[in-house]
Each structure stands twice: as C-alpha cells, then as structure tokens.
Amino acid sequence: MVSKLVKVSESAKKELKRMIDGRTLEPGKFLRLATPPVWTLEGDFGVVVDDERFADQVVFFEGEKLLLVDPELAKHLANAAFDFKSTPEGVRFTLDVY
C-alpha cells in the first residue's frame, strides 16, 4: 500500500528550490524533511542534506527532486501540510499536522 505524500505548498517548494539553487550539493545528496534524531537543532523538524534511501517519498518541483521524506515519517504526516510562511517568529517553514 502506498501512503499519501505530505502536502507541500507552492511557497515551500519555491523556498526549497531557492535553497538548492544557492548551494552545490554533492552528487546523490538531496534535501530531506527530518525529525529527531536525524534533526538535531531547535524545533521539532527541519531540512537536512542527506542521501536518498530505498522507499523514500520524493517531492518534485519543476522536474527536479526537491525533498525526500522517509516512508515511516510519511505515514505519520499523511494529513500534514509543509509550508513556508509568515509566523510570529518570522518567515519560516511550518509543519501543520491535522
């Protein structure tokens, strides 16, 4: 059974694309939506540079691999929305779980 992909807003896709275009990633490296223990900085989630793994869910934008999501994490985020928007803390990525 294929689980649903986490919903990624157009503004989040554009910001991820900007991040990718602003750096040189080694071949085979991509951005990954991560939670602890992979994500070790402040907050409950973040975006890290990582290798693609078997069964990763992939978010594409303009024909480019934009974001990887671990299949186990994707199961927990089937009804979530990953966005890039203004918050009281500033403009940042948000993950709204419904």
N, C-alpha and C. Protein backbone atom coordinates (compact mmCIF):
# COMPACT_ATOMS: atom_id res chain seq x y z
N MET A 1 0.84 -1.18 0.00
CA MET A 1 0.00 0.00 0.00
C MET A 1 0.89 1.25 0.00
N VAL A 2 0.58 2.19 -0.85
CA VAL A 2 1.35 3.43 -0.94
C VAL A 2 0.70 4.47 -0.03
N SER A 3 1.51 5.05 0.85
CA SER A 3 0.95 6.09 1.73
C SER A 3 0.92 7.42 0.98
N LYS A 4 0.06 8.30 1.44
CA LYS A 4 -0.06 9.61 0.82
C LYS A 4 1.18 10.44 1.12
N LEU A 5 1.54 11.26 0.17
CA LEU A 5 2.64 12.19 0.39
C LEU A 5 2.21 13.32 1.29
N VAL A 6 3.14 13.80 2.09
CA VAL A 6 2.89 15.01 2.86
C VAL A 6 2.60 16.12 1.85
N LYS A 7 1.65 16.96 2.16
CA LYS A 7 1.33 18.08 1.26
C LYS A 7 2.40 19.15 1.42
N VAL A 8 2.96 19.61 0.31
CA VAL A 8 3.99 20.64 0.32
C VAL A 8 3.46 21.82 -0.49
N SER A 9 3.37 22.97 0.15
CA SER A 9 2.81 24.15 -0.51
C SER A 9 3.74 24.67 -1.60
N GLU A 10 3.18 25.45 -2.51
CA GLU A 10 3.99 26.07 -3.56
C GLU A 10 5.06 26.98 -2.97
N SER A 11 4.73 27.72 -1.91
CA SER A 11 5.72 28.61 -1.31
C SER A 11 6.86 27.81 -0.69
N ALA A 12 6.57 26.66 -0.09
CA ALA A 12 7.63 25.80 0.46
C ALA A 12 8.48 25.23 -0.67
N LYS A 13 7.85 24.81 -1.75
CA LYS A 13 8.61 24.28 -2.89
C LYS A 13 9.54 25.35 -3.46
N LYS A 14 9.06 26.57 -3.57
CA LYS A 14 9.89 27.65 -4.11
C LYS A 14 11.06 27.95 -3.18
N GLU A 15 10.84 27.92 -1.87
CA GLU A 15 11.93 28.18 -0.93
C GLU A 15 12.94 27.03 -0.94
N LEU A 16 12.48 25.80 -1.02
CA LEU A 16 13.40 24.66 -1.12
C LEU A 16 14.22 24.75 -2.40
N LYS A 17 13.58 25.12 -3.49
CA LYS A 17 14.29 25.29 -4.77
C LYS A 17 15.33 26.39 -4.65
N ARG A 18 14.99 27.49 -3.98
CA ARG A 18 15.94 28.57 -3.77
C ARG A 18 17.13 28.08 -2.94
N MET A 19 16.86 27.26 -1.93
CA MET A 19 17.93 26.70 -1.10
C MET A 19 18.86 25.82 -1.93
N ILE A 20 18.28 24.98 -2.77
CA ILE A 20 19.08 24.09 -3.61
C ILE A 20 19.91 24.90 -4.60
N ASP A 21 19.29 25.89 -5.23
CA ASP A 21 20.00 26.71 -6.21
C ASP A 21 21.10 27.54 -5.58
N GLY A 22 21.01 27.80 -4.27
CA GLY A 22 22.00 28.63 -3.59
C GLY A 22 23.20 27.87 -3.06
N ARG A 23 23.25 26.58 -3.31
CA ARG A 23 24.38 25.78 -2.82
C ARG A 23 24.72 24.69 -3.82
N THR A 24 25.87 24.12 -3.66
CA THR A 24 26.28 23.00 -4.50
C THR A 24 26.18 21.74 -3.67
N LEU A 25 25.24 20.89 -4.03
CA LEU A 25 25.09 19.61 -3.34
C LEU A 25 25.94 18.57 -4.03
N GLU A 26 26.59 17.72 -3.25
CA GLU A 26 27.37 16.63 -3.81
C GLU A 26 26.43 15.71 -4.59
N PRO A 27 26.94 15.02 -5.60
CA PRO A 27 26.09 14.07 -6.34
C PRO A 27 25.44 13.07 -5.39
N GLY A 28 24.17 12.82 -5.61
CA GLY A 28 23.44 11.87 -4.78
C GLY A 28 22.93 12.44 -3.47
N LYS A 29 23.15 13.72 -3.22
CA LYS A 29 22.66 14.37 -1.99
C LYS A 29 21.43 15.21 -2.32
N PHE A 30 20.48 15.19 -1.39
CA PHE A 30 19.22 15.90 -1.58
C PHE A 30 18.77 16.50 -0.25
N LEU A 31 17.77 17.36 -0.29
CA LEU A 31 17.18 17.88 0.93
C LEU A 31 16.19 16.86 1.47
N ARG A 32 16.17 16.72 2.79
CA ARG A 32 15.28 15.75 3.46
C ARG A 32 14.54 16.44 4.59
N LEU A 33 13.23 16.18 4.68
CA LEU A 33 12.45 16.60 5.83
C LEU A 33 12.80 15.65 6.96
N ALA A 34 13.29 16.19 8.07
CA ALA A 34 13.79 15.34 9.15
C ALA A 34 13.20 15.73 10.49
N THR A 35 13.06 14.73 11.35
CA THR A 35 12.67 14.91 12.74
C THR A 35 13.74 14.24 13.59
N PRO A 36 13.75 14.49 14.90
CA PRO A 36 14.74 13.82 15.75
C PRO A 36 14.63 12.30 15.61
N PRO A 37 15.72 11.59 15.64
CA PRO A 37 17.07 12.01 15.99
C PRO A 37 17.89 12.56 14.82
N VAL A 38 17.37 12.45 13.58
CA VAL A 38 18.12 12.98 12.43
C VAL A 38 18.24 14.50 12.55
N TRP A 39 17.15 15.17 12.89
CA TRP A 39 17.15 16.62 13.09
C TRP A 39 17.63 16.87 14.51
N THR A 40 18.75 17.60 14.65
CA THR A 40 19.35 17.79 15.98
C THR A 40 19.32 19.24 16.45
N LEU A 41 18.78 20.13 15.65
CA LEU A 41 18.75 21.54 16.04
C LEU A 41 17.42 21.87 16.72
N GLU A 42 17.19 23.14 16.94
CA GLU A 42 15.99 23.61 17.62
C GLU A 42 14.73 23.26 16.83
N GLY A 43 13.68 22.96 17.54
CA GLY A 43 12.40 22.68 16.90
C GLY A 43 12.16 21.20 16.72
N ASP A 44 10.95 20.89 16.26
CA ASP A 44 10.53 19.50 16.10
C ASP A 44 10.90 18.89 14.76
N PHE A 45 11.30 19.71 13.80
CA PHE A 45 11.63 19.22 12.46
C PHE A 45 12.56 20.23 11.79
N GLY A 46 13.14 19.79 10.69
CA GLY A 46 13.97 20.67 9.89
C GLY A 46 14.29 20.03 8.56
N VAL A 47 15.10 20.70 7.80
CA VAL A 47 15.52 20.22 6.49
C VAL A 47 17.03 20.00 6.55
N VAL A 48 17.46 18.80 6.17
CA VAL A 48 18.87 18.45 6.19
C VAL A 48 19.29 17.96 4.80
N VAL A 49 20.58 17.92 4.55
CA VAL A 49 21.13 17.34 3.32
C VAL A 49 21.43 15.89 3.63
N ASP A 50 20.97 14.99 2.76
CA ASP A 50 21.10 13.56 3.05
C ASP A 50 21.09 12.77 1.75
N ASP A 51 21.41 11.48 1.86
CA ASP A 51 21.34 10.56 0.73
C ASP A 51 19.91 10.08 0.55
N GLU A 52 19.57 9.76 -0.69
CA GLU A 52 18.27 9.16 -0.95
C GLU A 52 18.33 7.71 -0.50
N ARG A 53 17.24 7.24 0.10
CA ARG A 53 17.17 5.86 0.60
C ARG A 53 16.02 5.12 -0.08
N PHE A 54 16.12 3.82 -0.04
CA PHE A 54 15.07 2.97 -0.60
C PHE A 54 13.72 3.35 -0.01
N ALA A 55 12.74 3.48 -0.82
CA ALA A 55 11.34 3.74 -0.46
C ALA A 55 11.07 5.17 0.01
N ASP A 56 12.08 6.07 -0.05
CA ASP A 56 11.82 7.47 0.26
C ASP A 56 10.70 7.98 -0.63
N GLN A 57 9.86 8.82 -0.08
CA GLN A 57 8.91 9.54 -0.91
C GLN A 57 9.62 10.79 -1.40
N VAL A 58 9.38 11.14 -2.65
CA VAL A 58 10.08 12.26 -3.26
C VAL A 58 9.08 13.32 -3.70
N VAL A 59 9.36 14.56 -3.34
CA VAL A 59 8.57 15.69 -3.79
C VAL A 59 9.35 16.34 -4.93
N PHE A 60 8.70 16.50 -6.08
CA PHE A 60 9.34 17.12 -7.25
C PHE A 60 8.80 18.53 -7.44
N PHE A 61 9.62 19.38 -8.04
CA PHE A 61 9.21 20.73 -8.42
C PHE A 61 9.98 21.10 -9.67
N GLU A 62 9.26 21.50 -10.70
CA GLU A 62 9.88 21.86 -11.98
C GLU A 62 10.79 20.75 -12.48
N GLY A 63 10.35 19.49 -12.30
CA GLY A 63 11.08 18.34 -12.79
C GLY A 63 12.31 17.95 -11.97
N GLU A 64 12.52 18.59 -10.84
CA GLU A 64 13.71 18.34 -10.02
C GLU A 64 13.30 17.71 -8.69
N LYS A 65 14.12 16.74 -8.22
CA LYS A 65 13.90 16.19 -6.88
C LYS A 65 14.15 17.31 -5.90
N LEU A 66 13.13 17.59 -5.11
CA LEU A 66 13.20 18.74 -4.23
C LEU A 66 13.34 18.35 -2.77
N LEU A 67 12.62 17.32 -2.35
CA LEU A 67 12.57 16.97 -0.94
C LEU A 67 12.32 15.48 -0.79
N LEU A 68 13.08 14.84 0.10
CA LEU A 68 12.89 13.44 0.43
C LEU A 68 12.16 13.34 1.76
N VAL A 69 11.30 12.32 1.87
CA VAL A 69 10.60 12.06 3.13
C VAL A 69 10.68 10.56 3.39
N ASP A 70 11.23 10.21 4.55
CA ASP A 70 11.32 8.81 4.95
C ASP A 70 9.92 8.20 4.97
N PRO A 71 9.76 6.96 4.47
CA PRO A 71 8.42 6.37 4.40
C PRO A 71 7.75 6.25 5.77
N GLU A 72 8.50 5.97 6.82
CA GLU A 72 7.90 5.87 8.16
C GLU A 72 7.40 7.24 8.63
N LEU A 73 8.19 8.28 8.38
CA LEU A 73 7.75 9.63 8.72
C LEU A 73 6.54 10.02 7.88
N ALA A 74 6.56 9.66 6.61
CA ALA A 74 5.45 10.00 5.71
C ALA A 74 4.13 9.43 6.23
N LYS A 75 4.17 8.23 6.82
CA LYS A 75 2.94 7.64 7.37
C LYS A 75 2.35 8.53 8.45
N HIS A 76 3.21 9.13 9.27
CA HIS A 76 2.73 9.98 10.35
C HIS A 76 2.30 11.37 9.84
N LEU A 77 2.74 11.71 8.63
CA LEU A 77 2.45 13.04 8.09
C LEU A 77 1.46 13.01 6.93
N ALA A 78 0.73 11.91 6.80
CA ALA A 78 -0.20 11.77 5.66
C ALA A 78 -1.22 12.90 5.60
N ASN A 79 -1.55 13.48 6.74
CA ASN A 79 -2.52 14.58 6.76
C ASN A 79 -1.86 15.89 7.15
N ALA A 80 -0.56 16.00 6.93
CA ALA A 80 0.18 17.20 7.31
C ALA A 80 0.39 18.10 6.10
N ALA A 81 0.67 19.36 6.40
CA ALA A 81 0.98 20.34 5.35
C ALA A 81 2.31 21.02 5.70
N PHE A 82 3.28 20.91 4.80
CA PHE A 82 4.59 21.53 4.96
C PHE A 82 4.53 22.84 4.17
N ASP A 83 4.81 23.96 4.85
CA ASP A 83 4.62 25.26 4.23
C ASP A 83 5.79 26.17 4.57
N PHE A 84 5.90 27.29 3.88
CA PHE A 84 6.87 28.34 4.16
C PHE A 84 6.05 29.62 4.21
N LYS A 85 5.94 30.20 5.43
CA LYS A 85 5.02 31.33 5.59
C LYS A 85 5.45 32.21 6.75
N SER A 86 4.77 33.34 6.84
CA SER A 86 5.00 34.27 7.95
C SER A 86 4.36 33.71 9.20
N THR A 87 5.12 33.75 10.30
CA THR A 87 4.63 33.34 11.61
C THR A 87 5.02 34.45 12.59
N PRO A 88 4.57 34.39 13.81
CA PRO A 88 5.01 35.40 14.79
C PRO A 88 6.54 35.41 14.98
N GLU A 89 7.19 34.26 14.70
CA GLU A 89 8.64 34.17 14.83
C GLU A 89 9.38 34.63 13.57
N GLY A 90 8.66 34.95 12.51
CA GLY A 90 9.28 35.36 11.24
C GLY A 90 8.83 34.45 10.11
N VAL A 91 9.44 34.60 8.95
CA VAL A 91 9.14 33.76 7.80
C VAL A 91 9.94 32.49 7.94
N ARG A 92 9.23 31.35 7.92
CA ARG A 92 9.92 30.09 8.14
C ARG A 92 9.08 28.92 7.67
N PHE A 93 9.71 27.72 7.66
CA PHE A 93 8.98 26.51 7.34
C PHE A 93 8.08 26.16 8.52
N THR A 94 6.90 25.68 8.19
CA THR A 94 5.97 25.18 9.20
C THR A 94 5.49 23.80 8.80
N LEU A 95 5.11 23.03 9.78
CA LEU A 95 4.56 21.69 9.53
C LEU A 95 3.28 21.59 10.36
N ASP A 96 2.16 21.71 9.67
CA ASP A 96 0.86 21.66 10.33
C ASP A 96 0.31 20.25 10.19
N VAL A 97 0.12 19.58 11.31
CA VAL A 97 -0.37 18.21 11.33
C VAL A 97 -1.84 18.24 11.72
N TYR A 98 -2.66 17.59 10.88
CA TYR A 98 -4.12 17.58 11.11
C TYR A 98 -4.57 16.21 11.56
